[in-house]
Amino acid sequence: MIRLVLIMMFLATGLAAQEAEPPMTYERLGKIIFALDPDAQPQGPGFEFTVSDVPVLVITDTNADRMRAMVAIRSAEELSNQDLQRMMQANFDSTLDARYAIANGTLWATYIHPLSSLEKDQLISGLAQTVNIANTYGTLYSGGAAEFGGGDSHDLQRELIEDLLKKGEEI
């Protein structure tokens, strides 16, 4: 019986290894990006392309085994404390794998992941979440899927719904 269990474990491991995706490389990343946007442009260690009319920049660093997808949202110079707090709340519970970040005077939507272990579906989901948080900045601050929970976003989003419902009562 133990021998059968060991054989089944060995077979399951072998099947899982066969089903695993190859490591992500710059070249493989490029193939996926060009499938998403045939007009994508290689730019040094990355790519510039468009997702749902939103310009996206992906940068790779193979020495550090990192990949970063970015969407510029606006200048960060005049962000209020309320804006900053709301983005940090969203980073906790509603942006999912994407994040708001500030660099070089710009507010960004970002998705950062180790390059070699990045799977195709993770990349596509991360790109969608990055575009979603850029598009929902100032409103829902959402990656576009379920929220993690336990944070402030749900109540704040519910408050928006309640406010709209109240306004709609008069119609």
Protein backbone atom coordinates (compact mmCIF):
# COMPACT_ATOMS: atom_id res chain seq x y z
CA MET A 1 0.00 0.00 0.00
CA ILE A 2 2.78 2.43 0.88
CA ARG A 3 4.49 1.58 -2.40
CA LEU A 4 1.26 2.44 -4.31
CA VAL A 5 0.98 5.77 -2.50
CA LEU A 6 4.62 6.58 -3.34
CA ILE A 7 4.07 5.67 -6.99
CA MET A 8 0.94 7.85 -7.13
CA MET A 9 2.83 10.74 -5.53
CA PHE A 10 5.67 10.31 -8.02
CA LEU A 11 3.25 10.27 -10.96
CA ALA A 12 1.37 13.30 -9.66
CA THR A 13 4.63 15.19 -9.23
CA GLY A 14 5.74 14.19 -12.73
CA LEU A 15 2.42 15.32 -14.22
CA ALA A 16 2.58 18.60 -12.36
CA ALA A 17 6.11 19.17 -13.64
CA GLN A 18 4.96 18.46 -17.21
CA GLU A 19 2.07 20.91 -16.86
CA ALA A 20 4.21 23.69 -15.37
CA GLU A 21 4.91 26.63 -17.59
CA PRO A 22 8.46 27.36 -18.68
CA PRO A 23 10.21 30.17 -16.80
CA MET A 24 9.24 33.64 -17.93
CA THR A 25 11.93 35.34 -19.98
CA TYR A 26 12.11 38.66 -21.76
CA GLU A 27 11.38 36.84 -25.03
CA ARG A 28 8.38 34.93 -23.67
CA LEU A 29 7.05 38.08 -22.01
CA GLY A 30 7.33 39.84 -25.37
CA LYS A 31 5.34 37.11 -27.13
CA ILE A 32 2.53 37.45 -24.58
CA ILE A 33 2.54 41.25 -24.79
CA PHE A 34 2.48 41.17 -28.62
CA ALA A 35 -0.48 38.78 -28.43
CA LEU A 36 -2.28 41.36 -26.27
CA ASP A 37 -1.27 44.31 -28.46
CA PRO A 38 0.23 43.62 -31.89
CA ASP A 39 1.38 47.27 -31.98
CA ALA A 40 3.52 46.91 -28.83
CA GLN A 41 7.00 48.40 -29.04
CA PRO A 42 10.14 46.97 -27.43
CA GLN A 43 11.87 49.67 -25.36
CA GLY A 44 15.26 48.67 -23.96
CA PRO A 45 14.64 46.02 -21.30
CA GLY A 46 10.87 46.40 -21.63
CA PHE A 47 7.86 47.12 -23.76
CA GLU A 48 5.38 49.92 -24.37
CA PHE A 49 1.88 48.86 -25.36
CA THR A 50 -1.80 49.62 -24.86
CA VAL A 51 -4.48 47.77 -22.89
CA SER A 52 -8.04 49.08 -23.29
CA ASP A 53 -6.74 52.41 -24.61
CA VAL A 54 -4.40 52.80 -21.59
CA PRO A 55 -0.64 53.09 -22.25
CA VAL A 56 1.31 50.48 -20.26
CA LEU A 57 5.04 50.23 -19.72
CA VAL A 58 6.64 46.92 -18.69
CA ILE A 59 10.27 46.90 -17.57
CA THR A 60 12.32 43.77 -16.88
CA ASP A 61 15.52 43.28 -14.94
CA THR A 62 16.77 39.77 -15.63
CA ASN A 63 19.74 40.17 -13.23
CA ALA A 64 17.36 40.94 -10.35
CA ASP A 65 14.70 38.53 -11.71
CA ARG A 66 12.01 41.24 -11.61
CA MET A 67 9.27 42.56 -13.83
CA ARG A 68 7.33 45.77 -13.31
CA ALA A 69 4.21 46.86 -15.21
CA MET A 70 3.32 50.55 -14.83
CA VAL A 71 0.62 52.97 -15.85
CA ALA A 72 1.16 56.70 -15.25
CA ILE A 73 -1.93 58.20 -13.61
CA ARG A 74 -1.09 61.84 -12.86
CA SER A 75 1.41 64.18 -11.28
CA ALA A 76 1.97 63.37 -7.62
CA GLU A 77 2.77 66.97 -6.70
CA GLU A 78 -0.68 68.01 -5.55
CA LEU A 79 -1.93 64.79 -3.97
CA SER A 80 -3.76 65.58 -0.76
CA ASN A 81 -3.36 63.66 2.48
CA GLN A 82 -6.88 62.31 1.84
CA ASP A 83 -5.79 61.03 -1.61
CA LEU A 84 -2.73 59.36 -0.12
CA GLN A 85 -4.73 57.76 2.68
CA ARG A 86 -7.36 56.43 0.27
CA MET A 87 -4.69 54.89 -1.97
CA MET A 88 -3.04 53.20 1.01
CA GLN A 89 -6.44 51.84 2.10
CA ALA A 90 -7.00 50.50 -1.40
CA ASN A 91 -3.50 48.96 -1.50
CA PHE A 92 -4.55 46.97 1.57
CA ASP A 93 -7.83 45.55 0.32
CA SER A 94 -9.09 46.45 -3.15
CA THR A 95 -6.18 46.76 -5.57
CA LEU A 96 -5.37 43.03 -5.29
CA ASP A 97 -1.93 42.37 -6.85
CA ALA A 98 -1.54 45.87 -8.30
CA ARG A 99 -0.49 48.86 -6.20
CA TYR A 100 -0.49 52.63 -6.23
CA ALA A 101 3.03 54.05 -6.07
CA ILE A 102 4.84 57.35 -6.41
CA ALA A 103 8.16 57.77 -8.22
CA ASN A 104 9.83 60.70 -9.92
CA GLY A 105 6.92 63.05 -9.21
CA THR A 106 4.34 60.74 -10.85
CA LEU A 107 1.53 58.67 -9.37
CA TRP A 108 1.63 55.18 -10.88
CA ALA A 109 -0.46 52.05 -10.96
CA THR A 110 2.03 49.17 -10.74
CA TYR A 111 2.29 45.40 -10.77
CA ILE A 112 5.61 43.92 -9.64
CA HIS A 113 6.53 40.24 -9.76
CA PRO A 114 9.61 38.01 -9.94
CA LEU A 115 10.22 37.48 -13.65
CA SER A 116 11.18 33.82 -13.87
CA SER A 117 8.25 32.49 -11.81
CA LEU A 118 5.66 34.72 -13.50
CA GLU A 119 3.01 32.68 -15.28
CA LYS A 120 1.10 33.85 -18.34
CA ASP A 121 -2.24 34.14 -16.54
CA GLN A 122 -0.62 35.99 -13.63
CA LEU A 123 0.85 38.49 -16.06
CA ILE A 124 -2.45 39.05 -17.85
CA SER A 125 -4.35 39.38 -14.57
CA GLY A 126 -1.71 41.74 -13.18
CA LEU A 127 -1.88 43.91 -16.29
CA ALA A 128 -5.67 44.06 -16.07
CA GLN A 129 -5.54 44.96 -12.38
CA THR A 130 -2.96 47.68 -13.08
CA VAL A 131 -5.12 49.23 -15.78
CA ASN A 132 -8.19 48.91 -13.54
CA ILE A 133 -6.63 50.72 -10.59
CA ALA A 134 -5.42 53.46 -12.93
CA ASN A 135 -8.92 53.81 -14.39
CA THR A 136 -10.65 53.73 -10.99
CA TYR A 137 -8.28 56.18 -9.28
CA GLY A 138 -10.45 58.83 -7.64
CA THR A 139 -13.54 56.60 -7.57
CA LEU A 140 -13.49 52.90 -6.57
CA TYR A 141 -9.69 52.37 -6.36
CA SER A 142 -10.28 48.77 -7.45
CA GLY A 143 -8.25 46.09 -9.20
CA GLY A 144 -11.52 44.89 -10.70
CA ALA A 145 -12.16 41.65 -8.83
CA ALA A 146 -13.04 40.57 -5.31
CA GLU A 147 -11.67 42.55 -2.40
CA PHE A 148 -9.37 41.06 0.19
CA GLY A 149 -11.62 42.31 2.97
CA GLY A 150 -10.93 43.51 6.45
CA GLY A 151 -10.07 46.99 5.22
CA ASP A 152 -11.85 50.27 4.63
CA SER A 153 -12.68 50.06 0.91
CA HIS A 154 -15.90 48.06 1.17
CA ASP A 155 -17.52 50.55 3.56
CA LEU A 156 -16.32 53.51 1.51
CA GLN A 157 -17.65 51.95 -1.70
CA ARG A 158 -20.94 51.10 0.04
CA GLU A 159 -21.15 54.73 1.18
CA LEU A 160 -20.89 55.84 -2.45
CA ILE A 161 -23.71 53.45 -3.41
CA GLU A 162 -25.89 54.72 -0.55
CA ASP A 163 -25.27 58.34 -1.56
CA LEU A 164 -26.24 57.57 -5.15
CA LEU A 165 -29.34 55.69 -4.03
CA LYS A 166 -30.41 58.69 -1.94
CA LYS A 167 -29.94 60.99 -4.91
CA GLY A 168 -31.92 58.54 -7.04
CA GLU A 169 -34.90 58.53 -4.64
CA GLU A 170 -35.94 61.92 -5.96
CA ILE A 171 -36.28 60.67 -9.54
